PDB file of N, CA and C in Angstrom:
ATOM      1  N   MET A   1     -18.597   3.487  -9.378  1.00  0.00           N
ATOM      2  CA  MET A   1     -18.415   2.526  -8.998  1.00  0.00           C
ATOM      3  C   MET A   1     -16.676   1.580  -8.817  1.00  0.00           C
ATOM      4  N   GLY A   2     -16.750   1.411  -7.850  1.00  0.00           N
ATOM      5  CA  GLY A   2     -15.406   0.991  -7.105  1.00  0.00           C
ATOM      6  C   GLY A   2     -15.987  -0.841  -7.360  1.00  0.00           C
ATOM      7  N   LEU A   3     -14.531  -1.686  -8.067  1.00  0.00           N
ATOM      8  CA  LEU A   3     -14.566  -3.050  -8.065  1.00  0.00           C
ATOM      9  C   LEU A   3     -15.337  -3.518  -7.284  1.00  0.00           C
ATOM     10  N   LEU A   4     -14.948  -3.275  -5.372  1.00  0.00           N
ATOM     11  CA  LEU A   4     -16.104  -4.503  -4.696  1.00  0.00           C
ATOM     12  C   LEU A   4     -17.750  -4.558  -5.350  1.00  0.00           C
ATOM     13  N   GLU A   5     -18.125  -2.829  -5.584  1.00  0.00           N
ATOM     14  CA  GLU A   5     -20.142  -2.627  -5.990  1.00  0.00           C
ATOM     15  C   GLU A   5     -19.450  -3.451  -7.505  1.00  0.00           C
ATOM     16  N   LYS A   6     -18.724  -3.617  -7.736  1.00  0.00           N
ATOM     17  CA  LYS A   6     -19.083  -3.380  -9.560  1.00  0.00           C
ATOM     18  C   LYS A   6     -19.554  -5.611  -9.012  1.00  0.00           C
ATOM     19  N   THR A   7     -18.089  -5.637  -8.259  1.00  0.00           N
ATOM     20  CA  THR A   7     -18.522  -7.292  -8.268  1.00  0.00           C
ATOM     21  C   THR A   7     -19.821  -7.962  -7.385  1.00  0.00           C
ATOM     22  N   VAL A   8     -20.126  -7.123  -6.874  1.00  0.00           N
ATOM     23  CA  VAL A   8     -21.129  -7.531  -5.983  1.00  0.00           C
ATOM     24  C   VAL A   8     -22.267  -7.662  -6.563  1.00  0.00           C
ATOM     25  N   GLU A   9     -22.771  -6.673  -7.891  1.00  0.00           N
ATOM     26  CA  GLU A   9     -24.030  -6.126  -8.566  1.00  0.00           C
ATOM     27  C   GLU A   9     -23.417  -7.501  -9.233  1.00  0.00           C
ATOM     28  N   ASN A  10     -22.570  -7.529  -9.874  1.00  0.00           N
ATOM     29  CA  ASN A  10     -22.599  -9.074 -11.132  1.00  0.00           C
ATOM     30  C   ASN A  10     -21.990 -10.320 -10.208  1.00  0.00           C
ATOM     31  N   LYS A  11     -22.185 -10.925  -9.773  1.00  0.00           N
ATOM     32  CA  LYS A  11     -21.846 -11.783  -8.900  1.00  0.00           C
ATOM     33  C   LYS A  11     -22.715 -12.782  -9.905  1.00  0.00           C
ATOM     34  N   ASN A  12     -23.587 -12.768 -10.587  1.00  0.00           N
ATOM     35  CA  ASN A  12     -24.156 -13.951 -11.419  1.00  0.00           C
ATOM     36  C   ASN A  12     -23.373 -14.132 -12.659  1.00  0.00           C
ATOM     37  N   GLY A  13     -23.344 -13.125 -13.071  1.00  0.00           N
ATOM     38  CA  GLY A  13     -22.942 -12.481 -14.409  1.00  0.00           C
ATOM     39  C   GLY A  13     -21.266 -13.034 -14.318  1.00  0.00           C
ATOM     40  N   LEU A  14     -20.768 -13.075 -13.441  1.00  0.00           N
ATOM     41  CA  LEU A  14     -19.087 -13.800 -13.055  1.00  0.00           C
ATOM     42  C   LEU A  14     -19.532 -15.520 -13.199  1.00  0.00           C
ATOM     43  N   TYR A  15     -20.201 -15.448 -12.102  1.00  0.00           N
ATOM     44  CA  TYR A  15     -19.995 -17.555 -12.337  1.00  0.00           C
ATOM     45  C   TYR A  15     -20.616 -17.070 -14.046  1.00  0.00           C
ATOM     46  N   LYS A  16     -21.422 -16.809 -14.414  1.00  0.00           N
ATOM     47  CA  LYS A  16     -21.855 -17.279 -15.594  1.00  0.00           C
ATOM     48  C   LYS A  16     -20.636 -17.311 -16.534  1.00  0.00           C
ATOM     49  N   LEU A  17     -19.803 -16.230 -16.749  1.00  0.00           N
ATOM     50  CA  LEU A  17     -18.757 -15.980 -17.132  1.00  0.00           C
ATOM     51  C   LEU A  17     -17.414 -16.901 -16.937  1.00  0.00           C
ATOM     52  N   ALA A  18     -17.216 -17.492 -15.457  1.00  0.00           N
ATOM     53  CA  ALA A  18     -16.820 -18.738 -15.342  1.00  0.00           C
ATOM     54  C   ALA A  18     -16.608 -20.009 -16.140  1.00  0.00           C
ATOM     55  N   LEU A  19     -17.849 -20.085 -15.723  1.00  0.00           N
ATOM     56  CA  LEU A  19     -18.581 -21.139 -16.957  1.00  0.00           C
ATOM     57  C   LEU A  19     -18.554 -21.445 -18.288  1.00  0.00           C
ATOM     58  N   GLU A  20     -18.851 -20.188 -18.946  1.00  0.00           N
ATOM     59  CA  GLU A  20     -18.345 -20.681 -20.124  1.00  0.00           C
ATOM     60  C   GLU A  20     -16.762 -20.588 -20.578  1.00  0.00           C
ATOM     61  N   TYR A  21     -15.529 -19.552 -20.069  1.00  0.00           N
ATOM     62  CA  TYR A  21     -14.470 -20.105 -20.015  1.00  0.00           C
ATOM     63  C   TYR A  21     -14.700 -21.206 -19.706  1.00  0.00           C
ATOM     64  N   PHE A  22     -14.461 -22.473 -18.266  1.00  0.00           N
ATOM     65  CA  PHE A  22     -14.337 -23.605 -17.858  1.00  0.00           C
ATOM     66  C   PHE A  22     -14.398 -24.587 -19.268  1.00  0.00           C
ATOM     67  N   GLN A  23     -15.905 -24.073 -20.024  1.00  0.00           N
ATOM     68  CA  GLN A  23     -16.778 -25.208 -21.357  1.00  0.00           C
ATOM     69  C   GLN A  23     -15.543 -24.731 -22.201  1.00  0.00           C
ATOM     70  N   ASN A  24     -14.493 -24.185 -22.245  1.00  0.00           N
ATOM     71  CA  ASN A  24     -13.729 -23.470 -23.750  1.00  0.00           C
ATOM     72  C   ASN A  24     -12.573 -24.830 -22.911  1.00  0.00           C
ATOM     73  N   ILE A  25     -12.261 -24.983 -21.892  1.00  0.00           N
ATOM     74  CA  ILE A  25     -10.830 -25.102 -21.403  1.00  0.00           C
ATOM     75  C   ILE A  25     -10.712 -27.185 -23.197  1.00  0.00           C
ATOM     76  N   ASP A  26      -9.531 -27.298 -23.157  1.00  0.00           N
ATOM     77  CA  ASP A  26      -9.111 -28.091 -23.870  1.00  0.00           C
ATOM     78  C   ASP A  26     -10.034 -29.738 -23.118  1.00  0.00           C
ATOM     79  N   VAL A  27     -10.445 -30.412 -23.880  1.00  0.00           N
ATOM     80  CA  VAL A  27     -11.338 -31.710 -23.104  1.00  0.00           C
ATOM     81  C   VAL A  27     -10.151 -32.082 -23.019  1.00  0.00           C
ATOM     82  N   ASP A  28      -8.979 -32.167 -23.477  1.00  0.00           N
ATOM     83  CA  ASP A  28      -7.784 -33.212 -22.882  1.00  0.00           C
ATOM     84  C   ASP A  28      -7.503 -33.334 -21.339  1.00  0.00           C
ATOM     85  N   GLU A  29      -8.083 -32.045 -20.874  1.00  0.00           N
ATOM     86  CA  GLU A  29      -7.533 -31.777 -19.575  1.00  0.00           C
ATOM     87  C   GLU A  29      -8.186 -32.070 -18.583  1.00  0.00           C
ATOM     88  N   TYR A  30      -9.863 -32.703 -18.907  1.00  0.00           N
ATOM     89  CA  TYR A  30     -10.546 -33.155 -18.113  1.00  0.00           C
ATOM     90  C   TYR A  30     -11.421 -34.352 -18.745  1.00  0.00           C
ATOM     91  N   GLU A  31     -10.849 -34.411 -19.554  1.00  0.00           N
ATOM     92  CA  GLU A  31     -11.583 -35.565 -20.337  1.00  0.00           C
ATOM     93  C   GLU A  31     -12.310 -37.121 -19.579  1.00  0.00           C
ATOM     94  N   ASN A  32     -11.427 -37.708 -18.620  1.00  0.00           N
ATOM     95  CA  ASN A  32     -11.088 -38.843 -17.893  1.00  0.00           C
ATOM     96  C   ASN A  32     -12.119 -38.350 -16.855  1.00  0.00           C
ATOM     97  N   ILE A  33     -12.373 -37.012 -16.571  1.00  0.00           N
ATOM     98  CA  ILE A  33     -13.610 -36.528 -15.121  1.00  0.00           C
ATOM     99  C   ILE A  33     -14.717 -36.489 -15.952  1.00  0.00           C
ATOM    100  N   ASP A  34     -15.905 -37.118 -15.383  1.00  0.00           N
ATOM    101  CA  ASP A  34     -17.430 -37.160 -15.354  1.00  0.00           C
ATOM    102  C   ASP A  34     -18.024 -36.805 -14.212  1.00  0.00           C
ATOM    103  N   LEU A  35     -18.028 -35.101 -14.768  1.00  0.00           N
ATOM    104  CA  LEU A  35     -18.858 -34.085 -13.920  1.00  0.00           C
ATOM    105  C   LEU A  35     -19.997 -34.215 -14.594  1.00  0.00           C
ATOM    106  N   ASP A  36     -20.649 -34.291 -12.757  1.00  0.00           N
ATOM    107  CA  ASP A  36     -22.099 -34.389 -12.490  1.00  0.00           C
ATOM    108  C   ASP A  36     -22.891 -33.164 -12.333  1.00  0.00           C
ATOM    109  N   LYS A  37     -21.890 -31.956 -11.898  1.00  0.00           N
ATOM    110  CA  LYS A  37     -22.411 -30.850 -11.333  1.00  0.00           C
ATOM    111  C   LYS A  37     -21.632 -30.437 -11.169  1.00  0.00           C
ATOM    112  N   ILE A  38     -21.540 -28.962 -11.507  1.00  0.00           N
ATOM    113  CA  ILE A  38     -20.775 -27.598 -11.360  1.00  0.00           C
ATOM    114  C   ILE A  38     -21.309 -26.641 -10.213  1.00  0.00           C
ATOM    115  N   ILE A  39     -20.611 -26.482  -9.189  1.00  0.00           N
ATOM    116  CA  ILE A  39     -21.674 -25.072  -7.943  1.00  0.00           C
ATOM    117  C   ILE A  39     -20.851 -24.136  -8.111  1.00  0.00           C
ATOM    118  N   PRO A  40     -20.980 -22.742  -8.062  1.00  0.00           N
ATOM    119  CA  PRO A  40     -20.241 -21.876  -7.991  1.00  0.00           C
ATOM    120  C   PRO A  40     -19.937 -22.014  -6.271  1.00  0.00           C
ATOM    121  N   LYS A  41     -18.899 -21.920  -5.910  1.00  0.00           N
ATOM    122  CA  LYS A  41     -18.100 -21.444  -4.893  1.00  0.00           C
ATOM    123  C   LYS A  41     -17.937 -20.401  -4.689  1.00  0.00           C
ATOM    124  N   SER A  42     -17.162 -19.332  -4.936  1.00  0.00           N
ATOM    125  CA  SER A  42     -16.529 -18.191  -4.002  1.00  0.00           C
ATOM    126  C   SER A  42     -16.161 -17.117  -5.374  1.00  0.00           C
ATOM    127  N   ILE A  43     -16.745 -15.866  -4.730  1.00  0.00           N
ATOM    128  CA  ILE A  43     -16.004 -14.629  -5.830  1.00  0.00           C
ATOM    129  C   ILE A  43     -14.806 -14.144  -4.872  1.00  0.00           C
ATOM    130  N   SER A  44     -13.729 -14.045  -5.032  1.00  0.00           N
ATOM    131  CA  SER A  44     -12.795 -12.681  -4.512  1.00  0.00           C
ATOM    132  C   SER A  44     -11.878 -11.524  -5.426  1.00  0.00           C
ATOM    133  N   ILE A  45     -12.040 -10.822  -4.881  1.00  0.00           N
ATOM    134  CA  ILE A  45     -11.074  -9.581  -5.109  1.00  0.00           C
ATOM    135  C   ILE A  45      -9.738  -9.548  -4.443  1.00  0.00           C
ATOM    136  N   LEU A  46      -8.619  -9.881  -4.988  1.00  0.00           N
ATOM    137  CA  LEU A  46      -7.150 -10.234  -4.966  1.00  0.00           C
ATOM    138  C   LEU A  46      -6.523  -8.694  -4.945  1.00  0.00           C
ATOM    139  N   ILE A  47      -5.942  -8.346  -4.286  1.00  0.00           N
ATOM    140  CA  ILE A  47      -5.242  -7.239  -3.915  1.00  0.00           C
ATOM    141  C   ILE A  47      -4.207  -7.283  -3.920  1.00  0.00           C
ATOM    142  N   ASP A  48      -3.077  -8.342  -3.532  1.00  0.00           N
ATOM    143  CA  ASP A  48      -1.656  -8.354  -3.813  1.00  0.00           C
ATOM    144  C   ASP A  48      -1.699 -10.141  -3.924  1.00  0.00           C
ATOM    145  N   HIS A  49      -0.967 -10.303  -4.881  1.00  0.00           N
ATOM    146  CA  HIS A  49      -0.338 -11.733  -5.022  1.00  0.00           C
ATOM    147  C   HIS A  49       0.909 -12.077  -5.997  1.00  0.00           C
ATOM    148  N   ASP A  50       1.482 -12.751  -5.599  1.00  0.00           N
ATOM    149  CA  ASP A  50       2.448 -12.893  -6.105  1.00  0.00           C
ATOM    150  C   ASP A  50       2.951 -13.087  -7.683  1.00  0.00           C
ATOM    151  N   PHE A  51       1.628 -14.223  -8.357  1.00  0.00           N
ATOM    152  CA  PHE A  51       1.932 -14.230  -9.649  1.00  0.00           C
ATOM    153  C   PHE A  51       0.854 -13.547 -10.701  1.00  0.00           C
ATOM    154  N   ILE A  52      -0.052 -13.489 -10.022  1.00  0.00           N
ATOM    155  CA  ILE A  52      -1.598 -12.814 -10.617  1.00  0.00           C
ATOM    156  C   ILE A  52      -1.036 -11.365 -10.579  1.00  0.00           C
ATOM    157  N   PRO A  53      -1.337 -10.741 -11.621  1.00  0.00           N
ATOM    158  CA  PRO A  53      -1.444  -8.915 -11.335  1.00  0.00           C
ATOM    159  C   PRO A  53      -2.917  -8.365 -10.723  1.00  0.00           C
ATOM    160  N   THR A  54      -2.651  -7.713 -10.181  1.00  0.00           N
ATOM    161  CA  THR A  54      -3.418  -7.300  -9.504  1.00  0.00           C
ATOM    162  C   THR A  54      -4.175  -5.909  -9.101  1.00  0.00           C
ATOM    163  N   PRO A  55      -5.563  -5.263  -9.210  1.00  0.00           N
ATOM    164  CA  PRO A  55      -6.203  -6.050  -8.876  1.00  0.00           C
ATOM    165  C   PRO A  55      -7.070  -6.842  -9.605  1.00  0.00           C
ATOM    166  N   CYS A  56      -7.262  -7.772  -9.140  1.00  0.00           N
ATOM    167  CA  CYS A  56      -8.444  -8.854 -10.274  1.00  0.00           C
ATOM    168  C   CYS A  56      -9.117  -9.372  -9.225  1.00  0.00           C
ATOM    169  N   ILE A  57     -10.099 -10.071 -10.203  1.00  0.00           N
ATOM    170  CA  ILE A  57     -11.204 -11.124  -9.406  1.00  0.00           C
ATOM    171  C   ILE A  57     -10.945 -12.333  -9.157  1.00  0.00           C
ATOM    172  N   GLU A  58     -11.306 -13.174  -8.662  1.00  0.00           N
ATOM    173  CA  GLU A  58     -11.185 -14.744  -8.597  1.00  0.00           C
ATOM    174  C   GLU A  58     -12.225 -15.273  -8.515  1.00  0.00           C
ATOM    175  N   ILE A  59     -12.748 -16.395  -8.994  1.00  0.00           N
ATOM    176  CA  ILE A  59     -13.973 -17.235  -9.296  1.00  0.00           C
ATOM    177  C   ILE A  59     -13.682 -18.604  -9.249  1.00  0.00           C
ATOM    178  N   ARG A  60     -14.064 -18.983  -8.044  1.00  0.00           N
ATOM    179  CA  ARG A  60     -14.185 -20.182  -7.727  1.00  0.00           C
ATOM    180  C   ARG A  60     -15.565 -21.541  -8.314  1.00  0.00           C
ATOM    181  N   LEU A  61     -15.482 -21.895  -8.923  1.00  0.00           N
ATOM    182  CA  LEU A  61     -15.851 -23.172  -9.347  1.00  0.00           C
ATOM    183  C   LEU A  61     -16.067 -24.376  -8.860  1.00  0.00           C
ATOM    184  N   ASP A  62     -16.751 -25.338  -7.996  1.00  0.00           N
ATOM    185  CA  ASP A  62     -16.564 -26.668  -7.488  1.00  0.00           C
ATOM    186  C   ASP A  62     -16.761 -27.715  -8.489  1.00  0.00           C
ATOM    187  N   LEU A  63     -16.226 -28.479  -8.801  1.00  0.00           N
ATOM    188  CA  LEU A  63     -16.945 -29.678  -9.566  1.00  0.00           C
ATOM    189  C   LEU A  63     -16.842 -31.008  -9.025  1.00  0.00           C
ATOM    190  N   TYR A  64     -17.721 -31.641  -9.252  1.00  0.00           N
ATOM    191  CA  TYR A  64     -18.738 -32.581  -8.698  1.00  0.00           C
ATOM    192  C   TYR A  64     -18.457 -33.666  -9.373  1.00  0.00           C
ATOM    193  N   GLN A  65     -17.782 -34.885  -9.040  1.00  0.00           N
ATOM    194  CA  GLN A  65     -17.788 -35.866  -9.821  1.00  0.00           C
ATOM    195  C   GLN A  65     -19.057 -36.759  -9.859  1.00  0.00           C
ATOM    196  N   GLN A  66     -19.853 -37.561 -10.332  1.00  0.00           N
ATOM    197  CA  GLN A  66     -20.823 -38.575 -10.171  1.00  0.00           C
ATOM    198  C   GLN A  66     -21.023 -39.208  -8.648  1.00  0.00           C
ATOM    199  N   GLU A  67     -21.857 -38.806  -8.439  1.00  0.00           N
ATOM    200  CA  GLU A  67     -22.183 -39.427  -6.903  1.00  0.00           C
ATOM    201  C   GLU A  67     -21.060 -39.228  -6.084  1.00  0.00           C
ATOM    202  N   GLN A  68     -20.451 -38.263  -5.412  1.00  0.00           N
ATOM    203  CA  GLN A  68     -19.830 -38.022  -4.760  1.00  0.00           C
ATOM    204  C   GLN A  68     -20.398 -36.662  -4.190  1.00  0.00           C
ATOM    205  N   GLN A  69     -19.797 -36.849  -2.388  1.00  0.00           N
ATOM    206  CA  GLN A  69     -20.601 -35.571  -2.026  1.00  0.00           C
ATOM    207  C   GLN A  69     -19.744 -34.512  -1.655  1.00  0.00           C
ATOM    208  N   LEU A  70     -18.578 -34.943  -1.842  1.00  0.00           N
ATOM    209  CA  LEU A  70     -17.223 -34.166  -1.642  1.00  0.00           C
ATOM    210  C   LEU A  70     -16.714 -33.214  -3.294  1.00  0.00           C
ATOM    211  N   SER A  71     -16.319 -32.191  -3.925  1.00  0.00           N
ATOM    212  CA  SER A  71     -15.886 -31.590  -4.614  1.00  0.00           C
ATOM    213  C   SER A  71     -14.086 -32.028  -4.475  1.00  0.00           C
ATOM    214  N   ASN A  72     -13.915 -32.804  -4.948  1.00  0.00           N
ATOM    215  CA  ASN A  72     -12.608 -33.318  -5.334  1.00  0.00           C
ATOM    216  C   ASN A  72     -11.829 -32.372  -6.750  1.00  0.00           C
ATOM    217  N   CYS A  73     -12.416 -31.760  -7.311  1.00  0.00           N
ATOM    218  CA  CYS A  73     -12.005 -30.280  -8.505  1.00  0.00           C
ATOM    219  C   CYS A  73     -12.702 -29.139  -8.356  1.00  0.00           C
ATOM    220  N   LYS A  74     -11.301 -28.154  -9.054  1.00  0.00           N
ATOM    221  CA  LYS A  74     -11.495 -26.979  -9.036  1.00  0.00           C
ATOM    222  C   LYS A  74     -11.694 -25.858 -10.318  1.00  0.00           C
ATOM    223  N   TYR A  75     -12.371 -25.226 -10.619  1.00  0.00           N
ATOM    224  CA  TYR A  75     -11.915 -24.143 -12.019  1.00  0.00           C
ATOM    225  C   TYR A  75     -11.825 -23.344 -11.268  1.00  0.00           C
ATOM    226  N   ILE A  76     -10.580 -22.684 -11.017  1.00  0.00           N
ATOM    227  CA  ILE A  76     -10.290 -20.662 -10.742  1.00  0.00           C
ATOM    228  C   ILE A  76     -10.785 -20.146 -12.027  1.00  0.00           C
ATOM    229  N   LEU A  77     -10.817 -19.496 -12.175  1.00  0.00           N
ATOM    230  CA  LEU A  77     -10.758 -17.769 -13.263  1.00  0.00           C
ATOM    231  C   LEU A  77     -10.478 -16.666 -11.954  1.00  0.00           C
ATOM    232  N   TYR A  78      -9.541 -16.290 -13.056  1.00  0.00           N
ATOM    233  CA  TYR A  78      -9.147 -14.898 -12.598  1.00  0.00           C
ATOM    234  C   TYR A  78      -9.002 -13.444 -13.296  1.00  0.00           C
ATOM    235  N   VAL A  79     -10.356 -12.651 -13.576  1.00  0.00           N
ATOM    236  CA  VAL A  79     -10.482 -11.903 -14.839  1.00  0.00           C
ATOM    237  C   VAL A  79     -10.025 -10.262 -14.196  1.00  0.00           C
ATOM    238  N   ASP A  80     -10.198  -9.090 -15.168  1.00  0.00           N
ATOM    239  CA  ASP A  80      -9.431  -8.003 -14.380  1.00  0.00           C
ATOM    240  C   ASP A  80     -11.062  -7.510 -14.213  1.00  0.00           C
ATOM    241  N   GLU A  81     -11.179  -5.992 -14.030  1.00  0.00           N
ATOM    242  CA  GLU A  81     -12.457  -4.875 -13.461  1.00  0.00           C
ATOM    243  C   GLU A  81     -12.531  -4.708 -14.870  1.00  0.00           C
ATOM    244  N   LYS A  82     -12.667  -5.294 -16.062  1.00  0.00           N
ATOM    245  CA  LYS A  82     -13.116  -5.563 -17.774  1.00  0.00           C
ATOM    246  C   LYS A  82     -13.926  -6.597 -17.375  1.00  0.00           C
ATOM    247  N   LYS A  83     -13.474  -7.461 -16.863  1.00  0.00           N
ATOM    248  CA  LYS A  83     -14.069  -8.853 -16.998  1.00  0.00           C
ATOM    249  C   LYS A  83     -13.222  -9.679 -18.221  1.00  0.00           C
ATOM    250  N   ASP A  84     -11.842  -8.854 -18.339  1.00  0.00           N
ATOM    251  CA  ASP A  84     -11.235  -9.514 -19.309  1.00  0.00           C
ATOM    252  C   ASP A  84     -10.601 -10.348 -18.952  1.00  0.00           C
ATOM    253  N   PHE A  85      -9.670 -12.088 -18.829  1.00  0.00           N
ATOM    254  CA  PHE A  85      -8.848 -12.944 -19.067  1.00  0.00           C
ATOM    255  C   PHE A  85      -7.653 -12.524 -18.485  1.00  0.00           C
ATOM    256  N   VAL A  86      -7.343 -13.070 -17.188  1.00  0.00           N
ATOM    257  CA  VAL A  86      -6.122 -12.824 -16.243  1.00  0.00           C
ATOM    258  C   VAL A  86      -5.223 -14.111 -16.618  1.00  0.00           C
ATOM    259  N   ASP A  87      -6.025 -15.097 -16.099  1.00  0.00           N
ATOM    260  CA  ASP A  87      -5.505 -16.867 -15.853  1.00  0.00           C
ATOM    261  C   ASP A  87      -6.520 -17.422 -15.063  1.00  0.00           C
ATOM    262  N   GLU A  88      -6.165 -18.886 -15.009  1.00  0.00           N
ATOM    263  CA  GLU A  88      -7.709 -19.647 -15.463  1.00  0.00           C
ATOM    264  C   GLU A  88      -6.092 -20.801 -14.309  1.00  0.00           C
ATOM    265  N   PHE A  89      -6.943 -21.781 -13.429  1.00  0.00           N
ATOM    266  CA  PHE A  89      -6.289 -22.799 -13.112  1.00  0.00           C
ATOM    267  C   PHE A  89      -7.572 -23.887 -13.023  1.00  0.00           C
ATOM    268  N   LEU A  90      -7.033 -25.511 -13.389  1.00  0.00           N
ATOM    269  CA  LEU A  90      -7.958 -26.831 -13.121  1.00  0.00           C
ATOM    270  C   LEU A  90      -7.243 -27.482 -12.143  1.00  0.00           C
ATOM    271  N   ILE A  91      -7.854 -27.581 -10.659  1.00  0.00           N
ATOM    272  CA  ILE A  91      -7.248 -28.070  -9.984  1.00  0.00           C
ATOM    273  C   ILE A  91      -7.766 -29.623  -9.292  1.00  0.00           C
ATOM    274  N   PHE A  92      -7.257 -30.528 -10.199  1.00  0.00           N
ATOM    275  CA  PHE A  92      -7.842 -31.897  -9.058  1.00  0.00           C
ATOM    276  C   PHE A  92      -6.837 -32.370  -7.900  1.00  0.00           C
ATOM    277  N   ASN A  93      -8.158 -32.993  -6.716  1.00  0.00           N
ATOM    278  CA  ASN A  93      -7.106 -33.099  -5.489  1.00  0.00           C
ATOM    279  C   ASN A  93      -7.099 -34.283  -5.741  1.00  0.00           C
TER     280      ASN A  93
END
C-alpha cells in the first residue's frame, strides 16, 4: 500500500497525532492565545519541498481564539511515512 492510500485510510489518526504534538508545544509559544477550538484543516502529501525532507505528510490544524469567526493561527505538522516527526510550525497571523 502506497503513501496516498495509507494517508487516506488513517486521516483521523493523523489529525489525532497532530493534536498530540500541538499539545506538547512549549506553553510559552502560545500562552497569550486563549484557544476556543481546534479544527482539522487538511492533510497533504509533499513530494517536493525546499527545506522539508520529502516525501512526507503535512497535517494542518486551524486554531480559533474565543469568539472569532476566522482562524488567525495555524499549526502544521510534518511526519514521514512511518508517522515519525519531521518538523512543525505554529503560525500566528
